Amino acid sequence: MRPLKDLRVKIFADGADLKVIADLARNPFIKGFTTNPTLMRKAGVLDYRAFALDMLKIVGDRSVSFEVFSDDFAGMEAQAREIATWGKNVYVKIPVTNTKREFAGDLIRRLANAGVQLNVTAILTNEQVKDVLACLSPKTASYVSVFAGRIADTGRDPVPLMAEAVQLLKVNPKAELIWASPRELLNIFQADAIGCHVITATPDILNKLSLVGKDLGEYSLDTVKMFFNDARAAGFSIPTK
């Protein structure tokens, strides 16, 4: 296990709570930020543009990804071109398909060739990775976001698939692979080991960074103390003879 300071994979924070984002922005291990409409809705965001501009003020010049939410490609393109004007560090998240399962390839190609930095999202197969790579520009920075956590949710091991994706992206040095939706802290080290460029993580995972390298004997004792203290706080008792 590499020490955190020696990790090659970049850790991006995923969320939409501006207070939490401000706290994470002070962490030198956090190299960028991502969000999406689902996270924004959960956080109670009502004004998309106002939220995005506030977030950009907080995170400085680090990479930030904001997602389009139209379901037709003309609407996606209009939203993408507007979002791209919000900052030089902004990447526009384009879903790999719309809800009709129509591939967003033509849109990806137009935007990438126009110099719009993209984060192509919701990818779950390497066939999709190949299709997306064929549309990206070698002159424009981009992210290819594979939802490794969702792959794992189906009982499949995402590591071999992600390792293959790393190799696929070598045809475009301006494209970086994102290990998206991780389920545990271990995924950060798995992503690093295979040469993945970026991993996104929500605050509940990032809050465990302080545990990296913790002595397992001490962690065992902490666990025993937790059970003991919670039982005492709950006032549990078992009558005994």
Protein backbone atom coordinates (compact mmCIF):
# COMPACT_ATOMS: atom_id res chain seq x y z
CA MET A 1 0.00 0.00 0.00
CA ARG A 2 1.42 3.37 -1.03
CA PRO A 3 1.33 6.23 1.46
CA LEU A 4 -1.33 8.76 0.50
CA LYS A 5 1.30 11.32 -0.43
CA ASP A 6 2.77 8.91 -2.98
CA LEU A 7 -0.45 7.99 -4.76
CA ARG A 8 -0.42 8.56 -8.49
CA VAL A 9 -4.20 8.45 -8.84
CA LYS A 10 -5.85 11.83 -8.33
CA ILE A 11 -8.67 11.92 -5.78
CA PHE A 12 -11.71 14.02 -6.74
CA ALA A 13 -14.45 14.77 -4.23
CA ASP A 14 -17.99 14.01 -5.39
CA GLY A 15 -20.82 15.98 -3.80
CA ALA A 16 -23.08 19.03 -3.73
CA ASP A 17 -23.01 20.33 -0.16
CA LEU A 18 -21.10 23.61 -0.35
CA LYS A 19 -20.06 23.51 3.31
CA VAL A 20 -18.61 20.02 2.90
CA ILE A 21 -16.98 21.06 -0.38
CA ALA A 22 -15.35 24.01 1.39
CA ASP A 23 -13.96 21.67 4.06
CA LEU A 24 -12.64 19.26 1.43
CA ALA A 25 -11.11 22.10 -0.56
CA ARG A 26 -8.70 22.59 2.34
CA ASN A 27 -7.46 19.01 2.01
CA PRO A 28 -4.32 18.86 -0.15
CA PHE A 29 -5.13 15.27 -1.20
CA ILE A 30 -8.27 16.45 -3.03
CA LYS A 31 -7.23 17.40 -6.56
CA GLY A 32 -10.63 18.08 -8.12
CA PHE A 33 -14.40 17.99 -7.70
CA THR A 34 -17.41 16.47 -9.43
CA THR A 35 -21.14 16.68 -8.92
CA ASN A 36 -24.32 15.56 -10.67
CA PRO A 37 -28.06 16.34 -10.68
CA THR A 38 -28.85 13.51 -8.25
CA LEU A 39 -26.38 14.78 -5.65
CA MET A 40 -27.55 18.36 -6.19
CA ARG A 41 -31.19 17.40 -5.67
CA LYS A 42 -30.32 15.55 -2.45
CA ALA A 43 -28.47 18.64 -1.25
CA GLY A 44 -31.51 20.84 -1.92
CA VAL A 45 -29.95 22.84 -4.74
CA LEU A 46 -32.60 24.96 -6.50
CA ASP A 47 -30.57 27.24 -8.78
CA TYR A 48 -28.12 25.18 -10.85
CA ARG A 49 -26.04 28.07 -12.21
CA ALA A 50 -25.83 29.93 -8.89
CA PHE A 51 -24.74 26.74 -7.13
CA ALA A 52 -22.08 26.05 -9.77
CA LEU A 53 -20.64 29.54 -9.59
CA ASP A 54 -20.52 29.39 -5.79
CA MET A 55 -18.76 26.02 -6.00
CA LEU A 56 -16.20 27.40 -8.43
CA LYS A 57 -15.37 30.24 -6.04
CA ILE A 58 -14.72 27.69 -3.29
CA VAL A 59 -12.53 25.21 -5.18
CA GLY A 60 -10.26 27.69 -6.96
CA ASP A 61 -8.51 26.46 -10.08
CA ARG A 62 -9.01 22.74 -9.48
CA SER A 63 -10.92 20.65 -12.01
CA VAL A 64 -14.71 20.72 -11.57
CA SER A 65 -17.28 18.71 -13.53
CA PHE A 66 -20.91 19.82 -13.98
CA GLU A 67 -23.49 17.71 -15.81
CA VAL A 68 -26.04 18.55 -18.47
CA PHE A 69 -29.57 17.38 -17.75
CA SER A 70 -31.45 17.68 -21.02
CA ASP A 71 -32.44 14.38 -22.65
CA ASP A 72 -32.24 15.54 -26.26
CA PHE A 73 -28.89 16.17 -27.86
CA ALA A 74 -29.67 19.71 -29.03
CA GLY A 75 -30.59 20.66 -25.48
CA MET A 76 -27.49 18.92 -24.13
CA GLU A 77 -25.31 20.84 -26.53
CA ALA A 78 -26.80 24.21 -25.59
CA GLN A 79 -26.37 23.45 -21.89
CA ALA A 80 -22.84 22.12 -22.42
CA ARG A 81 -21.70 25.23 -24.26
CA GLU A 82 -23.13 27.44 -21.50
CA ILE A 83 -21.56 25.39 -18.69
CA ALA A 84 -18.19 25.51 -20.46
CA THR A 85 -18.19 29.31 -20.17
CA TRP A 86 -18.24 29.17 -16.37
CA GLY A 87 -14.50 28.60 -16.02
CA LYS A 88 -11.33 27.31 -17.65
CA ASN A 89 -11.23 24.48 -15.11
CA VAL A 90 -14.78 23.34 -15.91
CA TYR A 91 -15.48 19.97 -17.52
CA VAL A 92 -18.94 19.28 -18.90
CA LYS A 93 -20.43 15.90 -17.99
CA ILE A 94 -22.21 14.29 -20.93
CA PRO A 95 -23.97 10.94 -20.33
CA VAL A 96 -22.83 8.24 -22.72
CA THR A 97 -26.43 7.84 -23.90
CA ASN A 98 -29.74 9.59 -23.34
CA THR A 99 -32.67 7.82 -21.68
CA LYS A 100 -33.65 6.34 -25.06
CA ARG A 101 -30.27 4.54 -25.16
CA GLU A 102 -29.15 6.71 -28.08
CA PHE A 103 -25.36 7.05 -28.09
CA ALA A 104 -24.14 10.63 -27.57
CA GLY A 105 -21.22 10.15 -29.96
CA ASP A 106 -22.02 12.90 -32.47
CA LEU A 107 -22.52 15.40 -29.66
CA ILE A 108 -19.30 14.31 -27.94
CA ARG A 109 -17.40 14.72 -31.21
CA ARG A 110 -18.80 18.21 -31.92
CA LEU A 111 -18.10 19.49 -28.42
CA ALA A 112 -14.62 17.96 -28.17
CA ASN A 113 -13.64 19.34 -31.58
CA ALA A 114 -14.90 22.74 -30.44
CA GLY A 115 -12.52 22.62 -27.47
CA VAL A 116 -15.13 21.90 -24.78
CA GLN A 117 -13.56 19.86 -21.97
CA LEU A 118 -15.78 16.83 -21.42
CA ASN A 119 -16.41 14.27 -18.73
CA VAL A 120 -18.28 11.48 -20.49
CA THR A 121 -20.19 9.77 -17.72
CA ALA A 122 -22.34 6.75 -16.79
CA ILE A 123 -20.10 4.32 -18.69
CA LEU A 124 -20.20 0.69 -17.56
CA THR A 125 -18.60 -1.31 -20.38
CA ASN A 126 -15.36 -1.14 -22.31
CA GLU A 127 -17.33 -1.25 -25.56
CA GLN A 128 -18.71 2.11 -24.47
CA VAL A 129 -15.17 3.25 -23.63
CA LYS A 130 -14.04 2.38 -27.16
CA ASP A 131 -17.00 4.17 -28.72
CA VAL A 132 -16.36 7.30 -26.65
CA LEU A 133 -12.64 7.32 -27.43
CA ALA A 134 -13.44 7.29 -31.14
CA CYS A 135 -15.31 10.58 -30.65
CA LEU A 136 -12.94 12.50 -28.37
CA SER A 137 -10.41 14.96 -29.73
CA PRO A 138 -6.69 14.34 -29.13
CA LYS A 139 -6.36 18.11 -28.70
CA THR A 140 -8.94 18.60 -25.95
CA ALA A 141 -8.63 17.44 -22.33
CA SER A 142 -11.33 15.00 -21.32
CA TYR A 143 -12.37 12.41 -18.76
CA VAL A 144 -13.86 8.99 -19.46
CA SER A 145 -15.88 8.10 -16.37
CA VAL A 146 -16.47 4.38 -15.79
CA PHE A 147 -18.78 3.58 -12.89
CA ALA A 148 -16.70 0.83 -11.33
CA GLY A 149 -18.81 0.84 -8.18
CA ARG A 150 -21.96 0.08 -10.12
CA ILE A 151 -20.14 -2.71 -11.93
CA ALA A 152 -19.24 -4.16 -8.53
CA ASP A 153 -22.89 -3.84 -7.46
CA THR A 154 -23.75 -6.43 -10.12
CA GLY A 155 -21.36 -9.00 -8.63
CA ARG A 156 -18.63 -8.38 -11.21
CA ASP A 157 -15.03 -7.54 -10.30
CA PRO A 158 -14.36 -4.09 -11.80
CA VAL A 159 -10.58 -4.25 -11.48
CA PRO A 160 -9.85 -6.23 -14.70
CA LEU A 161 -12.28 -4.08 -16.67
CA MET A 162 -10.73 -0.87 -15.33
CA ALA A 163 -7.21 -2.16 -16.02
CA GLU A 164 -8.24 -2.83 -19.61
CA ALA A 165 -9.75 0.66 -19.86
CA VAL A 166 -6.44 2.17 -18.74
CA GLN A 167 -4.78 0.50 -21.71
CA LEU A 168 -7.52 1.59 -24.11
CA LEU A 169 -7.07 5.25 -23.16
CA LYS A 170 -3.42 5.23 -24.17
CA VAL A 171 -4.49 6.08 -27.72
CA ASN A 172 -5.47 9.55 -26.48
CA PRO A 173 -3.03 11.15 -24.02
CA LYS A 174 -5.46 14.01 -23.40
CA ALA A 175 -8.11 11.60 -22.07
CA GLU A 176 -8.01 10.46 -18.44
CA LEU A 177 -9.87 7.54 -16.93
CA ILE A 178 -12.08 8.12 -13.89
CA TRP A 179 -12.90 5.27 -11.49
CA ALA A 180 -16.36 6.52 -10.56
CA SER A 181 -18.74 5.60 -7.72
CA PRO A 182 -16.29 3.66 -5.52
CA ARG A 183 -17.81 1.68 -2.70
CA GLU A 184 -14.90 1.59 -0.23
CA LEU A 185 -11.59 3.24 0.54
CA LEU A 186 -9.71 0.22 -0.79
CA ASN A 187 -10.87 1.22 -4.29
CA ILE A 188 -8.52 4.22 -4.17
CA PHE A 189 -5.53 1.90 -3.84
CA GLN A 190 -6.91 -0.48 -6.46
CA ALA A 191 -7.30 2.41 -8.88
CA ASP A 192 -3.77 3.57 -8.14
CA ALA A 193 -2.32 0.08 -8.64
CA ILE A 194 -3.72 -0.27 -12.17
CA GLY A 195 -2.66 3.22 -13.25
CA CYS A 196 -6.12 4.81 -13.29
CA HIS A 197 -5.79 8.58 -13.56
CA VAL A 198 -8.63 9.75 -11.29
CA ILE A 199 -11.00 8.34 -8.70
CA THR A 200 -14.07 10.18 -7.43
CA ALA A 201 -15.27 9.64 -3.87
CA THR A 202 -18.09 10.90 -1.71
CA PRO A 203 -17.42 12.42 1.73
CA ASP A 204 -18.36 9.20 3.55
CA ILE A 205 -15.40 7.49 1.86
CA LEU A 206 -13.08 10.47 2.07
CA ASN A 207 -13.72 10.72 5.82
CA LYS A 208 -11.94 7.36 6.16
CA LEU A 209 -8.64 8.67 4.76
CA SER A 210 -7.38 9.15 8.31
CA LEU A 211 -7.61 5.35 8.75
CA VAL A 212 -5.08 4.60 6.01
CA GLY A 213 -2.25 2.57 7.52
CA LYS A 214 -3.88 2.39 10.95
CA ASP A 215 -2.57 -0.43 13.14
CA LEU A 216 -5.12 -3.24 12.93
CA GLY A 217 -4.63 -4.24 16.56
CA GLU A 218 -5.51 -0.70 17.63
CA TYR A 219 -8.46 -0.69 15.23
CA SER A 220 -9.67 -3.93 16.80
CA LEU A 221 -9.54 -2.34 20.24
CA ASP A 222 -11.40 0.73 18.97
CA THR A 223 -14.13 -1.58 17.69
CA VAL A 224 -14.44 -3.39 21.03
CA LYS A 225 -14.66 -0.02 22.82
CA MET A 226 -17.37 1.13 20.39
CA PHE A 227 -19.54 -1.91 21.13
CA PHE A 228 -19.01 -1.54 24.87
CA ASN A 229 -19.75 2.19 24.96
CA ASP A 230 -22.83 1.92 22.75
CA ALA A 231 -24.27 -0.90 24.86
CA ARG A 232 -23.70 1.14 28.02
CA ALA A 233 -25.18 4.30 26.46
CA ALA A 234 -28.26 2.33 25.41
CA GLY A 235 -28.72 1.07 28.95
CA PHE A 236 -28.83 -2.57 27.87
CA SER A 237 -29.01 -5.25 30.53
CA ILE A 238 -29.51 -9.01 30.51
CA PRO A 239 -30.88 -10.49 33.73
CA THR A 240 -28.62 -13.29 34.88
CA LYS A 241 -29.04 -15.90 37.58
